[in-house]
Amino acid sequence: IRHDSADIRHDRADIRHDSADIRHDRADIRHDRADIRHDRADIRHDRADIRHDRADIRHDSADIRHDRADIRHDRADIRHDSADIRHDRADIRRPQLCSVTVT
């Protein structure tokens, strides 16, 4: 009978240990699932960051194109102003025709 009681006690201890192992395994599974959720959230955030970075690059590229166009327009304005100055100088150097009215 003592052996049977000891066996029962050992069996109950094994059951308690098994139950504890199951609880720990379930906790591990919950933690693993939480880690997966966090990893997926990190991936979503990383993808959003990449989209934002690409949008920033597109905007920066557009700004550069606009700046280059502004430079081209400024250079054209300078060329036109220079031509106007040359024409004005030529007009100054050219002898003026006088209109003489005879009365």
C-alpha atoms as a PDB file:
ATOM      1  CA  ILE A   1       0.000   0.000   0.000  1.00  0.00           C
ATOM      2  CA  ARG A   2       2.871   2.344   0.815  1.00  0.00           C
ATOM      3  CA  HIS A   3       4.285   1.719  -2.643  1.00  0.00           C
ATOM      4  CA  ASP A   4       0.933   2.451  -4.225  1.00  0.00           C
ATOM      5  CA  SER A   5       0.649   5.714  -2.238  1.00  0.00           C
ATOM      6  CA  ALA A   6       4.152   6.706  -3.272  1.00  0.00           C
ATOM      7  CA  ASP A   7       3.349   5.893  -6.896  1.00  0.00           C
ATOM      8  CA  ILE A   8       0.198   7.992  -6.673  1.00  0.00           C
ATOM      9  CA  ARG A   9       2.177  10.883  -5.169  1.00  0.00           C
ATOM     10  CA  HIS A  10       4.764  10.600  -7.950  1.00  0.00           C
ATOM     11  CA  ASP A  11       2.047  10.421 -10.582  1.00  0.00           C
ATOM     12  CA  ARG A  12       0.398  13.531  -9.125  1.00  0.00           C
ATOM     13  CA  ALA A  13       3.775  15.313  -9.095  1.00  0.00           C
ATOM     14  CA  ASP A  14       4.340  14.273 -12.724  1.00  0.00           C
ATOM     15  CA  ILE A  15       0.886  15.624 -13.614  1.00  0.00           C
ATOM     16  CA  ARG A  16       1.683  18.916 -11.837  1.00  0.00           C
ATOM     17  CA  HIS A  17       4.990  19.146 -13.687  1.00  0.00           C
ATOM     18  CA  ASP A  18       3.325  18.300 -16.993  1.00  0.00           C
ATOM     19  CA  SER A  19       0.649  20.918 -16.316  1.00  0.00           C
ATOM     20  CA  ALA A  20       3.340  23.471 -15.533  1.00  0.00           C
ATOM     21  CA  ASP A  21       5.172  22.528 -18.748  1.00  0.00           C
ATOM     22  CA  ILE A  22       1.936  22.981 -20.706  1.00  0.00           C
ATOM     23  CA  ARG A  23       1.377  26.402 -19.102  1.00  0.00           C
ATOM     24  CA  HIS A  24       4.928  27.412 -19.965  1.00  0.00           C
ATOM     25  CA  ASP A  25       4.547  26.140 -23.521  1.00  0.00           C
ATOM     26  CA  ARG A  26       1.317  28.117 -23.914  1.00  0.00           C
ATOM     27  CA  ALA A  27       3.022  31.212 -22.534  1.00  0.00           C
ATOM     28  CA  ASP A  28       5.878  30.682 -25.009  1.00  0.00           C
ATOM     29  CA  ILE A  29       3.350  30.392 -27.840  1.00  0.00           C
ATOM     30  CA  ARG A  30       1.649  33.630 -26.714  1.00  0.00           C
ATOM     31  CA  HIS A  31       5.007  35.382 -26.593  1.00  0.00           C
ATOM     32  CA  ASP A  32       5.982  34.023 -30.007  1.00  0.00           C
ATOM     33  CA  ARG A  33       2.676  35.253 -31.455  1.00  0.00           C
ATOM     34  CA  ALA A  34       3.237  38.672 -29.880  1.00  0.00           C
ATOM     35  CA  ASP A  35       6.755  38.738 -31.367  1.00  0.00           C
ATOM     36  CA  ILE A  36       5.297  37.887 -34.784  1.00  0.00           C
ATOM     37  CA  ARG A  37       2.724  40.689 -34.436  1.00  0.00           C
ATOM     38  CA  HIS A  38       5.466  43.123 -33.471  1.00  0.00           C
ATOM     39  CA  ASP A  39       7.668  41.975 -36.349  1.00  0.00           C
ATOM     40  CA  ARG A  40       4.775  42.447 -38.787  1.00  0.00           C
ATOM     41  CA  ALA A  41       4.131  45.918 -37.364  1.00  0.00           C
ATOM     42  CA  ASP A  42       7.839  46.731 -37.766  1.00  0.00           C
ATOM     43  CA  ILE A  43       7.703  45.550 -41.390  1.00  0.00           C
ATOM     44  CA  ARG A  44       4.624  47.718 -42.026  1.00  0.00           C
ATOM     45  CA  HIS A  45       6.386  50.709 -40.484  1.00  0.00           C
ATOM     46  CA  ASP A  46       9.547  50.030 -42.496  1.00  0.00           C
ATOM     47  CA  ARG A  47       7.504  49.832 -45.696  1.00  0.00           C
ATOM     48  CA  ALA A  48       5.768  53.098 -44.814  1.00  0.00           C
ATOM     49  CA  ASP A  49       9.171  54.687 -44.165  1.00  0.00           C
ATOM     50  CA  ILE A  50      10.382  53.455 -47.558  1.00  0.00           C
ATOM     51  CA  ARG A  51       7.273  54.895 -49.245  1.00  0.00           C
ATOM     52  CA  HIS A  52       7.842  58.219 -47.510  1.00  0.00           C
ATOM     53  CA  ASP A  53      11.529  58.214 -48.435  1.00  0.00           C
ATOM     54  CA  ARG A  54      10.649  57.527 -52.071  1.00  0.00           C
ATOM     55  CA  ALA A  55       8.104  60.346 -52.022  1.00  0.00           C
ATOM     56  CA  ASP A  56      10.746  62.663 -50.532  1.00  0.00           C
ATOM     57  CA  ILE A  57      13.167  61.657 -53.300  1.00  0.00           C
ATOM     58  CA  ARG A  58      10.502  62.347 -55.953  1.00  0.00           C
ATOM     59  CA  HIS A  59       9.809  65.753 -54.414  1.00  0.00           C
ATOM     60  CA  ASP A  60      13.520  66.552 -54.174  1.00  0.00           C
ATOM     61  CA  SER A  61      13.987  65.514 -57.811  1.00  0.00           C
ATOM     62  CA  ALA A  62      11.105  67.751 -58.850  1.00  0.00           C
ATOM     63  CA  ASP A  63      12.613  70.631 -56.864  1.00  0.00           C
ATOM     64  CA  ILE A  64      15.947  70.080 -58.635  1.00  0.00           C
ATOM     65  CA  ARG A  65      14.226  70.065 -62.041  1.00  0.00           C
ATOM     66  CA  HIS A  66      12.421  73.296 -61.156  1.00  0.00           C
ATOM     67  CA  ASP A  67      15.642  74.894 -59.925  1.00  0.00           C
ATOM     68  CA  ARG A  68      17.407  73.911 -63.163  1.00  0.00           C
ATOM     69  CA  ALA A  69      14.553  75.369 -65.190  1.00  0.00           C
ATOM     70  CA  ASP A  70      14.776  78.585 -63.157  1.00  0.00           C
ATOM     71  CA  ILE A  71      18.526  78.724 -63.864  1.00  0.00           C
ATOM     72  CA  ARG A  72      17.891  78.226 -67.601  1.00  0.00           C
ATOM     73  CA  HIS A  73      15.301  81.005 -67.549  1.00  0.00           C
ATOM     74  CA  ASP A  74      17.634  83.302 -65.611  1.00  0.00           C
ATOM     75  CA  ARG A  75      20.423  82.652 -68.137  1.00  0.00           C
ATOM     76  CA  ALA A  76      18.049  83.396 -70.992  1.00  0.00           C
ATOM     77  CA  ASP A  77      17.031  86.641 -69.264  1.00  0.00           C
ATOM     78  CA  ILE A  78      20.720  87.550 -68.886  1.00  0.00           C
ATOM     79  CA  ARG A  79      21.331  86.831 -72.583  1.00  0.00           C
ATOM     80  CA  HIS A  80      18.363  88.997 -73.546  1.00  0.00           C
ATOM     81  CA  ASP A  81      19.498  91.799 -71.211  1.00  0.00           C
ATOM     82  CA  SER A  82      23.023  91.582 -72.662  1.00  0.00           C
ATOM     83  CA  ALA A  83      21.617  91.796 -76.180  1.00  0.00           C
ATOM     84  CA  ASP A  84      19.539  94.822 -75.179  1.00  0.00           C
ATOM     85  CA  ILE A  85      22.648  96.488 -73.738  1.00  0.00           C
ATOM     86  CA  ARG A  86      24.598  95.778 -76.955  1.00  0.00           C
ATOM     87  CA  HIS A  87      21.785  97.235 -79.030  1.00  0.00           C
ATOM     88  CA  ASP A  88      21.610 100.310 -76.797  1.00  0.00           C
ATOM     89  CA  ARG A  89      25.389 100.825 -77.101  1.00  0.00           C
ATOM     90  CA  ALA A  90      25.198 100.419 -80.857  1.00  0.00           C
ATOM     91  CA  ASP A  91      22.413 102.976 -80.961  1.00  0.00           C
ATOM     92  CA  ILE A  92      24.573 105.412 -78.938  1.00  0.00           C
ATOM     93  CA  ARG A  93      27.599 104.935 -81.230  1.00  0.00           C
ATOM     94  CA  ARG A  94      25.567 105.218 -84.410  1.00  0.00           C
ATOM     95  CA  PRO A  95      25.352 108.764 -85.724  1.00  0.00           C
ATOM     96  CA  GLN A  96      21.917 110.207 -85.324  1.00  0.00           C
ATOM     97  CA  LEU A  97      20.139 111.351 -88.419  1.00  0.00           C
ATOM     98  CA  CYS A  98      18.771 114.768 -88.006  1.00  0.00           C
ATOM     99  CA  SER A  99      15.639 115.793 -89.667  1.00  0.00           C
ATOM    100  CA  VAL A 100      15.900 119.262 -90.986  1.00  0.00           C
ATOM    101  CA  THR A 101      12.780 121.151 -91.798  1.00  0.00           C
ATOM    102  CA  VAL A 102      13.084 123.891 -94.287  1.00  0.00           C
ATOM    103  CA  THR A 103      10.680 126.764 -93.931  1.00  0.00           C
END
